[in-house]
PDB file of N, CA and C in Angstrom:
ATOM      1  N   UNK A   1     -96.630 136.293  57.476  1.00  0.00           N
ATOM      2  CA  UNK A   1     -95.199 136.742  57.546  1.00  0.00           C
ATOM      3  C   UNK A   1     -94.513 135.915  56.751  1.00  0.00           C
ATOM      4  N   UNK A   2     -95.168 134.901  56.276  1.00  0.00           N
ATOM      5  CA  UNK A   2     -93.980 133.873  55.836  1.00  0.00           C
ATOM      6  C   UNK A   2     -92.950 134.404  54.265  1.00  0.00           C
ATOM      7  N   UNK A   3     -93.688 134.891  53.440  1.00  0.00           N
ATOM      8  CA  UNK A   3     -92.979 135.721  52.334  1.00  0.00           C
ATOM      9  C   UNK A   3     -91.976 137.190  52.968  1.00  0.00           C
ATOM     10  N   UNK A   4     -92.212 137.577  53.960  1.00  0.00           N
ATOM     11  CA  UNK A   4     -91.904 138.364  54.293  1.00  0.00           C
ATOM     12  C   UNK A   4     -90.287 137.861  54.849  1.00  0.00           C
ATOM     13  N   UNK A   5     -90.807 137.057  55.727  1.00  0.00           N
ATOM     14  CA  UNK A   5     -89.288 136.292  56.440  1.00  0.00           C
ATOM     15  C   UNK A   5     -88.572 135.414  55.295  1.00  0.00           C
ATOM     16  N   UNK A   6     -89.462 134.720  53.989  1.00  0.00           N
ATOM     17  CA  UNK A   6     -88.269 134.479  52.832  1.00  0.00           C
ATOM     18  C   UNK A   6     -87.242 135.735  52.495  1.00  0.00           C
ATOM     19  N   UNK A   7     -87.717 136.546  52.024  1.00  0.00           N
ATOM     20  CA  UNK A   7     -87.125 137.829  51.307  1.00  0.00           C
ATOM     21  C   UNK A   7     -86.292 138.158  52.482  1.00  0.00           C
ATOM     22  N   UNK A   8     -86.631 138.194  54.003  1.00  0.00           N
ATOM     23  CA  UNK A   8     -85.630 138.895  54.711  1.00  0.00           C
ATOM     24  C   UNK A   8     -84.199 137.984  54.535  1.00  0.00           C
ATOM     25  N   UNK A   9     -84.640 136.442  54.850  1.00  0.00           N
ATOM     26  CA  UNK A   9     -83.497 135.557  54.880  1.00  0.00           C
ATOM     27  C   UNK A   9     -82.827 135.752  53.352  1.00  0.00           C
ATOM     28  N   UNK A  10     -83.321 136.002  52.203  1.00  0.00           N
ATOM     29  CA  UNK A  10     -82.630 135.995  51.078  1.00  0.00           C
ATOM     30  C   UNK A  10     -81.891 137.312  51.164  1.00  0.00           C
ATOM     31  N   UNK A  11     -82.394 138.252  51.987  1.00  0.00           N
ATOM     32  CA  UNK A  11     -81.510 139.548  51.491  1.00  0.00           C
ATOM     33  C   UNK A  11     -80.193 139.182  52.280  1.00  0.00           C
ATOM     34  N   UNK A  12     -80.206 138.500  53.740  1.00  0.00           N
ATOM     35  CA  UNK A  12     -79.212 138.240  54.470  1.00  0.00           C
ATOM     36  C   UNK A  12     -78.432 137.332  53.347  1.00  0.00           C
ATOM     37  N   UNK A  13     -78.329 136.092  53.356  1.00  0.00           N
ATOM     38  CA  UNK A  13     -77.732 135.308  52.514  1.00  0.00           C
ATOM     39  C   UNK A  13     -77.296 135.796  50.990  1.00  0.00           C
ATOM     40  N   UNK A  14     -77.786 137.075  50.654  1.00  0.00           N
ATOM     41  CA  UNK A  14     -77.504 137.350  49.469  1.00  0.00           C
ATOM     42  C   UNK A  14     -76.637 138.882  49.400  1.00  0.00           C
ATOM     43  N   UNK A  15     -76.761 139.306  50.879  1.00  0.00           N
ATOM     44  CA  UNK A  15     -76.285 140.495  50.795  1.00  0.00           C
ATOM     45  C   UNK A  15     -76.719 141.684  49.873  1.00  0.00           C
ATOM     46  N   UNK A  16     -78.246 141.528  49.271  1.00  0.00           N
ATOM     47  CA  UNK A  16     -78.756 142.658  48.978  1.00  0.00           C
ATOM     48  C   UNK A  16     -79.959 143.223  49.489  1.00  0.00           C
ATOM     49  N   UNK A  17     -80.089 144.491  49.146  1.00  0.00           N
ATOM     50  CA  UNK A  17     -81.254 145.172  50.205  1.00  0.00           C
ATOM     51  C   UNK A  17     -82.791 144.561  49.846  1.00  0.00           C
ATOM     52  N   UNK A  18     -83.220 145.088  50.678  1.00  0.00           N
ATOM     53  CA  UNK A  18     -84.922 144.961  49.998  1.00  0.00           C
ATOM     54  C   UNK A  18     -85.358 146.418  49.803  1.00  0.00           C
ATOM     55  N   UNK A  19     -86.269 146.709  48.637  1.00  0.00           N
ATOM     56  CA  UNK A  19     -86.530 147.675  47.857  1.00  0.00           C
ATOM     57  C   UNK A  19     -87.061 148.650  49.022  1.00  0.00           C
ATOM     58  N   UNK A  20     -86.866 149.828  49.050  1.00  0.00           N
ATOM     59  CA  UNK A  20     -87.436 150.654  49.759  1.00  0.00           C
ATOM     60  C   UNK A  20     -89.114 150.968  49.319  1.00  0.00           C
ATOM     61  N   UNK A  21     -89.615 151.626  50.437  1.00  0.00           N
ATOM     62  CA  UNK A  21     -91.499 151.650  50.307  1.00  0.00           C
ATOM     63  C   UNK A  21     -92.253 150.700  49.865  1.00  0.00           C
ATOM     64  N   UNK A  22     -91.633 148.977  50.139  1.00  0.00           N
ATOM     65  CA  UNK A  22     -92.193 148.062  49.640  1.00  0.00           C
ATOM     66  C   UNK A  22     -93.127 147.389  51.054  1.00  0.00           C
ATOM     67  N   UNK A  23     -93.949 146.906  50.828  1.00  0.00           N
ATOM     68  CA  UNK A  23     -94.492 145.844  51.958  1.00  0.00           C
ATOM     69  C   UNK A  23     -95.012 144.680  51.498  1.00  0.00           C
ATOM     70  N   UNK A  24     -95.237 143.252  51.996  1.00  0.00           N
ATOM     71  CA  UNK A  24     -95.377 142.432  51.859  1.00  0.00           C
ATOM     72  C   UNK A  24     -95.908 141.639  52.779  1.00  0.00           C
ATOM     73  N   UNK A  25     -97.068 140.277  52.361  1.00  0.00           N
ATOM     74  CA  UNK A  25     -97.767 139.977  52.895  1.00  0.00           C
ATOM     75  C   UNK A  25     -98.389 138.439  52.110  1.00  0.00           C
ATOM     76  N   UNK A  26     -98.071 137.315  52.972  1.00  0.00           N
ATOM     77  CA  UNK A  26     -98.750 136.156  52.496  1.00  0.00           C
ATOM     78  C   UNK A  26     -97.747 134.891  52.968  1.00  0.00           C
ATOM     79  N   UNK A  27     -98.369 133.883  53.107  1.00  0.00           N
ATOM     80  CA  UNK A  27     -97.642 132.537  53.202  1.00  0.00           C
ATOM     81  C   UNK A  27     -96.944 131.881  52.545  1.00  0.00           C
ATOM     82  N   UNK A  28     -95.859 130.678  53.073  1.00  0.00           N
ATOM     83  CA  UNK A  28     -95.986 129.970  51.526  1.00  0.00           C
ATOM     84  C   UNK A  28     -95.504 128.631  52.112  1.00  0.00           C
ATOM     85  N   UNK A  29     -96.013 128.023  51.228  1.00  0.00           N
ATOM     86  CA  UNK A  29     -95.323 126.191  51.323  1.00  0.00           C
ATOM     87  C   UNK A  29     -94.446 125.639  51.262  1.00  0.00           C
ATOM     88  N   UNK A  30     -94.129 124.660  51.930  1.00  0.00           N
ATOM     89  CA  UNK A  30     -92.116 124.129  51.619  1.00  0.00           C
ATOM     90  C   UNK A  30     -92.361 124.193  50.625  1.00  0.00           C
ATOM     91  N   UNK A  31     -92.922 124.324  49.288  1.00  0.00           N
ATOM     92  CA  UNK A  31     -92.434 124.390  47.799  1.00  0.00           C
ATOM     93  C   UNK A  31     -92.670 125.670  47.204  1.00  0.00           C
ATOM     94  N   UNK A  32     -92.847 126.646  48.451  1.00  0.00           N
ATOM     95  CA  UNK A  32     -92.545 127.834  47.434  1.00  0.00           C
ATOM     96  C   UNK A  32     -93.656 128.736  47.007  1.00  0.00           C
ATOM     97  N   UNK A  33     -94.765 128.129  47.745  1.00  0.00           N
ATOM     98  CA  UNK A  33     -96.239 128.739  46.441  1.00  0.00           C
ATOM     99  C   UNK A  33     -96.697 129.503  47.571  1.00  0.00           C
ATOM    100  N   UNK A  34     -97.100 130.881  47.370  1.00  0.00           N
ATOM    101  CA  UNK A  34     -96.932 131.869  48.178  1.00  0.00           C
ATOM    102  C   UNK A  34     -99.153 131.628  48.083  1.00  0.00           C
ATOM    103  N   UNK A  35     -99.814 131.461  49.295  1.00  0.00           N
ATOM    104  CA  UNK A  35    -100.786 131.302  49.737  1.00  0.00           C
ATOM    105  C   UNK A  35    -101.387 132.694  50.114  1.00  0.00           C
ATOM    106  N   UNK A  36    -102.877 132.948  49.645  1.00  0.00           N
ATOM    107  CA  UNK A  36    -103.690 134.032  50.258  1.00  0.00           C
ATOM    108  C   UNK A  36    -103.787 134.177  51.563  1.00  0.00           C
ATOM    109  N   UNK A  37    -103.853 135.262  52.019  1.00  0.00           N
ATOM    110  CA  UNK A  37    -104.323 135.663  53.331  1.00  0.00           C
ATOM    111  C   UNK A  37    -105.375 136.690  53.606  1.00  0.00           C
ATOM    112  N   UNK A  38    -105.851 136.788  55.081  1.00  0.00           N
ATOM    113  CA  UNK A  38    -107.199 137.408  55.357  1.00  0.00           C
ATOM    114  C   UNK A  38    -106.827 138.828  55.938  1.00  0.00           C
ATOM    115  N   UNK A  39    -107.513 139.689  55.563  1.00  0.00           N
ATOM    116  CA  UNK A  39    -107.371 141.238  56.330  1.00  0.00           C
ATOM    117  C   UNK A  39    -106.816 141.735  55.412  1.00  0.00           C
ATOM    118  N   UNK A  40    -106.943 141.346  53.942  1.00  0.00           N
ATOM    119  CA  UNK A  40    -106.141 142.502  52.735  1.00  0.00           C
ATOM    120  C   UNK A  40    -106.546 143.805  53.100  1.00  0.00           C
ATOM    121  N   UNK A  41    -108.245 143.931  53.405  1.00  0.00           N
ATOM    122  CA  UNK A  41    -107.900 145.663  53.324  1.00  0.00           C
ATOM    123  C   UNK A  41    -107.354 146.638  54.355  1.00  0.00           C
ATOM    124  N   UNK A  42    -107.539 145.726  55.701  1.00  0.00           N
ATOM    125  CA  UNK A  42    -106.593 146.422  56.691  1.00  0.00           C
ATOM    126  C   UNK A  42    -104.905 146.545  56.570  1.00  0.00           C
ATOM    127  N   UNK A  43    -104.343 145.224  56.070  1.00  0.00           N
ATOM    128  CA  UNK A  43    -103.096 145.082  55.890  1.00  0.00           C
ATOM    129  C   UNK A  43    -102.879 146.679  54.551  1.00  0.00           C
ATOM    130  N   UNK A  44    -103.778 146.430  53.592  1.00  0.00           N
ATOM    131  CA  UNK A  44    -103.480 147.457  52.357  1.00  0.00           C
ATOM    132  C   UNK A  44    -103.686 148.900  53.026  1.00  0.00           C
ATOM    133  N   UNK A  45    -104.478 149.357  53.869  1.00  0.00           N
ATOM    134  CA  UNK A  45    -104.826 150.692  54.600  1.00  0.00           C
ATOM    135  C   UNK A  45    -103.770 150.992  55.717  1.00  0.00           C
ATOM    136  N   UNK A  46    -103.401 149.844  56.285  1.00  0.00           N
ATOM    137  CA  UNK A  46    -102.187 150.418  57.495  1.00  0.00           C
ATOM    138  C   UNK A  46    -101.080 150.512  55.866  1.00  0.00           C
ATOM    139  N   UNK A  47    -100.787 150.083  55.303  1.00  0.00           N
ATOM    140  CA  UNK A  47     -99.533 150.195  54.511  1.00  0.00           C
ATOM    141  C   UNK A  47     -99.561 151.528  53.613  1.00  0.00           C
ATOM    142  N   UNK A  48    -100.470 151.906  53.416  1.00  0.00           N
ATOM    143  CA  UNK A  48    -101.064 152.941  52.598  1.00  0.00           C
ATOM    144  C   UNK A  48    -100.936 154.448  53.986  1.00  0.00           C
ATOM    145  N   UNK A  49    -101.161 154.575  55.292  1.00  0.00           N
ATOM    146  CA  UNK A  49    -101.104 155.286  56.228  1.00  0.00           C
ATOM    147  C   UNK A  49     -99.668 155.278  56.237  1.00  0.00           C
ATOM    148  N   UNK A  50     -98.620 154.301  56.069  1.00  0.00           N
ATOM    149  CA  UNK A  50     -97.381 154.529  56.575  1.00  0.00           C
ATOM    150  C   UNK A  50     -96.412 154.809  55.545  1.00  0.00           C
ATOM    151  N   UNK A  51     -97.111 155.203  54.320  1.00  0.00           N
ATOM    152  CA  UNK A  51     -96.253 155.734  53.072  1.00  0.00           C
ATOM    153  C   UNK A  51     -95.855 154.685  51.901  1.00  0.00           C
ATOM    154  N   UNK A  52     -96.049 153.552  52.218  1.00  0.00           N
ATOM    155  CA  UNK A  52     -95.679 152.484  51.297  1.00  0.00           C
ATOM    156  C   UNK A  52     -96.359 152.827  50.094  1.00  0.00           C
ATOM    157  N   UNK A  53     -95.568 152.498  49.325  1.00  0.00           N
ATOM    158  CA  UNK A  53     -95.860 152.901  47.545  1.00  0.00           C
ATOM    159  C   UNK A  53     -95.884 151.619  47.038  1.00  0.00           C
ATOM    160  N   UNK A  54     -95.618 150.383  47.420  1.00  0.00           N
ATOM    161  CA  UNK A  54     -95.353 149.126  46.640  1.00  0.00           C
ATOM    162  C   UNK A  54     -96.220 148.103  47.681  1.00  0.00           C
ATOM    163  N   UNK A  55     -96.916 147.342  47.271  1.00  0.00           N
ATOM    164  CA  UNK A  55     -97.460 146.289  48.119  1.00  0.00           C
ATOM    165  C   UNK A  55     -97.683 144.989  47.548  1.00  0.00           C
ATOM    166  N   UNK A  56     -96.972 143.868  47.740  1.00  0.00           N
ATOM    167  CA  UNK A  56     -96.608 142.411  47.037  1.00  0.00           C
ATOM    168  C   UNK A  56     -97.875 141.524  47.891  1.00  0.00           C
ATOM    169  N   UNK A  57     -98.492 141.143  47.086  1.00  0.00           N
ATOM    170  CA  UNK A  57     -99.598 140.384  47.799  1.00  0.00           C
ATOM    171  C   UNK A  57     -99.555 138.896  46.931  1.00  0.00           C
ATOM    172  N   UNK A  58    -100.321 138.050  47.579  1.00  0.00           N
ATOM    173  CA  UNK A  58    -100.542 136.627  47.140  1.00  0.00           C
ATOM    174  C   UNK A  58    -101.717 136.568  45.836  1.00  0.00           C
ATOM    175  N   UNK A  59    -100.823 135.897  44.805  1.00  0.00           N
ATOM    176  CA  UNK A  59    -102.246 136.015  43.275  1.00  0.00           C
ATOM    177  C   UNK A  59    -103.081 135.716  43.742  1.00  0.00           C
ATOM    178  N   UNK A  60    -103.535 134.932  44.772  1.00  0.00           N
ATOM    179  CA  UNK A  60    -105.199 134.141  44.882  1.00  0.00           C
ATOM    180  C   UNK A  60    -106.059 135.450  46.061  1.00  0.00           C
ATOM    181  N   UNK A  61    -105.398 136.658  46.188  1.00  0.00           N
ATOM    182  CA  UNK A  61    -105.797 137.602  46.676  1.00  0.00           C
ATOM    183  C   UNK A  61    -106.230 138.863  45.938  1.00  0.00           C
ATOM    184  N   UNK A  62    -105.973 138.681  44.401  1.00  0.00           N
ATOM    185  CA  UNK A  62    -106.675 139.999  43.371  1.00  0.00           C
ATOM    186  C   UNK A  62    -107.927 139.849  43.813  1.00  0.00           C
ATOM    187  N   UNK A  63    -108.841 138.884  43.262  1.00  0.00           N
ATOM    188  CA  UNK A  63    -109.975 139.224  44.207  1.00  0.00           C
ATOM    189  C   UNK A  63    -110.497 140.039  44.711  1.00  0.00           C
ATOM    190  N   UNK A  64    -109.926 140.237  46.013  1.00  0.00           N
ATOM    191  CA  UNK A  64    -110.054 141.035  46.908  1.00  0.00           C
ATOM    192  C   UNK A  64    -109.857 142.434  46.972  1.00  0.00           C
ATOM    193  N   UNK A  65    -109.313 143.147  46.174  1.00  0.00           N
ATOM    194  CA  UNK A  65    -109.200 144.038  45.499  1.00  0.00           C
ATOM    195  C   UNK A  65    -110.397 145.084  45.491  1.00  0.00           C
ATOM    196  N   UNK A  66    -111.661 144.542  45.187  1.00  0.00           N
ATOM    197  CA  UNK A  66    -112.388 145.225  45.336  1.00  0.00           C
ATOM    198  C   UNK A  66    -112.922 145.771  46.236  1.00  0.00           C
ATOM    199  N   UNK A  67    -112.306 145.659  47.311  1.00  0.00           N
ATOM    200  CA  UNK A  67    -112.329 146.172  48.591  1.00  0.00           C
ATOM    201  C   UNK A  67    -111.780 147.682  49.415  1.00  0.00           C
ATOM    202  N   UNK A  68    -110.991 147.672  48.255  1.00  0.00           N
ATOM    203  CA  UNK A  68    -110.131 148.890  48.142  1.00  0.00           C
ATOM    204  C   UNK A  68    -110.817 150.029  47.913  1.00  0.00           C
ATOM    205  N   UNK A  69    -110.661 150.985  48.607  1.00  0.00           N
ATOM    206  CA  UNK A  69    -111.122 152.104  47.585  1.00  0.00           C
ATOM    207  C   UNK A  69    -110.118 152.900  46.590  1.00  0.00           C
ATOM    208  N   UNK A  70    -110.808 153.491  45.381  1.00  0.00           N
ATOM    209  CA  UNK A  70    -110.474 153.770  44.674  1.00  0.00           C
ATOM    210  C   UNK A  70    -109.062 154.185  44.810  1.00  0.00           C
ATOM    211  N   UNK A  71    -109.075 155.343  45.541  1.00  0.00           N
ATOM    212  CA  UNK A  71    -108.080 156.423  45.742  1.00  0.00           C
ATOM    213  C   UNK A  71    -106.778 155.930  45.977  1.00  0.00           C
ATOM    214  N   UNK A  72    -107.093 154.922  46.797  1.00  0.00           N
ATOM    215  CA  UNK A  72    -105.966 154.314  47.630  1.00  0.00           C
ATOM    216  C   UNK A  72    -105.320 152.893  46.179  1.00  0.00           C
ATOM    217  N   UNK A  73    -106.014 152.549  45.433  1.00  0.00           N
ATOM    218  CA  UNK A  73    -105.486 151.565  44.342  1.00  0.00           C
ATOM    219  C   UNK A  73    -104.652 152.942  43.638  1.00  0.00           C
ATOM    220  N   UNK A  74    -104.803 153.936  43.497  1.00  0.00           N
ATOM    221  CA  UNK A  74    -104.359 154.951  42.453  1.00  0.00           C
ATOM    222  C   UNK A  74    -103.535 155.278  43.052  1.00  0.00           C
ATOM    223  N   UNK A  75    -102.774 155.365  44.485  1.00  0.00           N
ATOM    224  CA  UNK A  75    -102.135 156.137  45.124  1.00  0.00           C
ATOM    225  C   UNK A  75    -100.965 154.903  45.051  1.00  0.00           C
ATOM    226  N   UNK A  76    -101.186 153.506  45.051  1.00  0.00           N
ATOM    227  CA  UNK A  76    -100.098 152.576  45.382  1.00  0.00           C
ATOM    228  C   UNK A  76    -100.076 151.624  44.348  1.00  0.00           C
ATOM    229  N   UNK A  77     -98.899 150.778  44.227  1.00  0.00           N
ATOM    230  CA  UNK A  77     -98.724 149.474  42.802  1.00  0.00           C
ATOM    231  C   UNK A  77     -99.076 148.490  43.872  1.00  0.00           C
ATOM    232  N   UNK A  78     -99.793 147.374  43.254  1.00  0.00           N
ATOM    233  CA  UNK A  78    -100.011 146.205  43.821  1.00  0.00           C
ATOM    234  C   UNK A  78     -99.144 145.156  42.570  1.00  0.00           C
ATOM    235  N   UNK A  79     -98.295 144.139  43.070  1.00  0.00           N
ATOM    236  CA  UNK A  79     -98.120 143.192  42.573  1.00  0.00           C
ATOM    237  C   UNK A  79     -98.065 142.138  43.258  1.00  0.00           C
ATOM    238  N   UNK A  80     -99.140 141.380  42.507  1.00  0.00           N
ATOM    239  CA  UNK A  80     -99.531 139.684  42.475  1.00  0.00           C
ATOM    240  C   UNK A  80     -98.453 138.440  42.201  1.00  0.00           C
ATOM    241  N   UNK A  81     -98.210 137.600  43.195  1.00  0.00           N
ATOM    242  CA  UNK A  81     -97.210 136.675  42.962  1.00  0.00           C
ATOM    243  C   UNK A  81     -97.619 135.495  43.554  1.00  0.00           C
ATOM    244  N   UNK A  82     -97.489 134.300  43.043  1.00  0.00           N
ATOM    245  CA  UNK A  82     -98.254 133.228  43.661  1.00  0.00           C
ATOM    246  C   UNK A  82     -96.813 132.313  43.354  1.00  0.00           C
ATOM    247  N   UNK A  83     -95.532 132.548  43.331  1.00  0.00           N
ATOM    248  CA  UNK A  83     -94.355 131.912  44.095  1.00  0.00           C
ATOM    249  C   UNK A  83     -93.388 132.764  44.559  1.00  0.00           C
ATOM    250  N   UNK A  84     -92.888 132.034  45.765  1.00  0.00           N
ATOM    251  CA  UNK A  84     -92.042 132.627  46.726  1.00  0.00           C
ATOM    252  C   UNK A  84     -90.455 133.350  46.171  1.00  0.00           C
ATOM    253  N   UNK A  85     -90.434 132.977  45.187  1.00  0.00           N
ATOM    254  CA  UNK A  85     -88.745 132.876  44.276  1.00  0.00           C
ATOM    255  C   UNK A  85     -88.942 134.158  43.179  1.00  0.00           C
ATOM    256  N   UNK A  86     -89.992 134.357  42.656  1.00  0.00           N
ATOM    257  CA  UNK A  86     -90.864 135.285  42.306  1.00  0.00           C
ATOM    258  C   UNK A  86     -90.631 136.767  43.066  1.00  0.00           C
ATOM    259  N   UNK A  87     -91.284 136.664  44.193  1.00  0.00           N
ATOM    260  CA  UNK A  87     -91.024 137.802  44.840  1.00  0.00           C
ATOM    261  C   UNK A  87     -89.906 137.880  45.537  1.00  0.00           C
ATOM    262  N   UNK A  88     -88.984 137.017  45.923  1.00  0.00           N
ATOM    263  CA  UNK A  88     -87.751 137.490  46.088  1.00  0.00           C
ATOM    264  C   UNK A  88     -86.859 138.437  45.194  1.00  0.00           C
ATOM    265  N   UNK A  89     -87.018 137.991  43.617  1.00  0.00           N
ATOM    266  CA  UNK A  89     -86.124 138.487  42.465  1.00  0.00           C
ATOM    267  C   UNK A  89     -87.142 139.677  42.854  1.00  0.00           C
ATOM    268  N   UNK A  90     -88.427 140.075  43.130  1.00  0.00           N
ATOM    269  CA  UNK A  90     -88.632 141.155  42.625  1.00  0.00           C
ATOM    270  C   UNK A  90     -88.277 141.892  43.491  1.00  0.00           C
ATOM    271  N   UNK A  91     -88.213 141.733  44.989  1.00  0.00           N
ATOM    272  CA  UNK A  91     -88.041 142.631  45.986  1.00  0.00           C
ATOM    273  C   UNK A  91     -86.585 142.926  46.602  1.00  0.00           C
ATOM    274  N   UNK A  92     -85.941 142.248  45.996  1.00  0.00           N
ATOM    275  CA  UNK A  92     -83.970 142.353  46.350  1.00  0.00           C
ATOM    276  C   UNK A  92     -83.914 143.572  45.093  1.00  0.00           C
ATOM    277  N   UNK A  93     -83.175 144.477  45.616  1.00  0.00           N
ATOM    278  CA  UNK A  93     -82.212 145.456  45.013  1.00  0.00           C
ATOM    279  C   UNK A  93     -81.280 144.625  43.986  1.00  0.00           C
ATOM    280  N   UNK A  94     -80.713 144.981  42.788  1.00  0.00           N
ATOM    281  CA  UNK A  94     -79.912 144.394  42.014  1.00  0.00           C
ATOM    282  C   UNK A  94     -78.912 144.287  42.648  1.00  0.00           C
ATOM    283  N   UNK A  95     -77.857 143.081  42.588  1.00  0.00           N
ATOM    284  CA  UNK A  95     -77.005 143.051  43.265  1.00  0.00           C
ATOM    285  C   UNK A  95     -75.655 143.839  42.588  1.00  0.00           C
ATOM    286  N   UNK A  96     -75.148 144.953  43.672  1.00  0.00           N
ATOM    287  CA  UNK A  96     -73.668 145.920  43.381  1.00  0.00           C
ATOM    288  C   UNK A  96     -72.461 145.550  42.639  1.00  0.00           C
ATOM    289  N   UNK A  97     -72.244 146.136  41.457  1.00  0.00           N
ATOM    290  CA  UNK A  97     -71.126 145.688  40.775  1.00  0.00           C
ATOM    291  C   UNK A  97     -70.117 145.931  41.500  1.00  0.00           C
ATOM    292  N   UNK A  98     -68.954 145.653  41.528  1.00  0.00           N
ATOM    293  CA  UNK A  98     -67.669 145.901  42.302  1.00  0.00           C
ATOM    294  C   UNK A  98     -67.177 146.357  41.002  1.00  0.00           C
ATOM    295  N   UNK A  99     -66.596 147.641  41.200  1.00  0.00           N
ATOM    296  CA  UNK A  99     -65.309 148.606  40.366  1.00  0.00           C
ATOM    297  C   UNK A  99     -63.988 148.052  40.393  1.00  0.00           C
TER     298      UNK A  99
END
């Protein structure tokens, strides 16, 4: 849940919302590297059952996608990252412009 907490804190600090229908998992190091997780299939299936459309995952888990059923791969978008700062940039909505 490290990356999830980092995105939540970044959202709070910047006032930017997290995109809708997105799930994420991955541990982060003190230097911001996103580390692989276990239980990928179970986490993706749970996200699918709850209507999630996009899942953010560690790059090192890309090889584990062979365990995900093809119909679920087709129904969802998977984004792989190895840097926490890239996840934050992807997961947060753009900053609203004042008029």
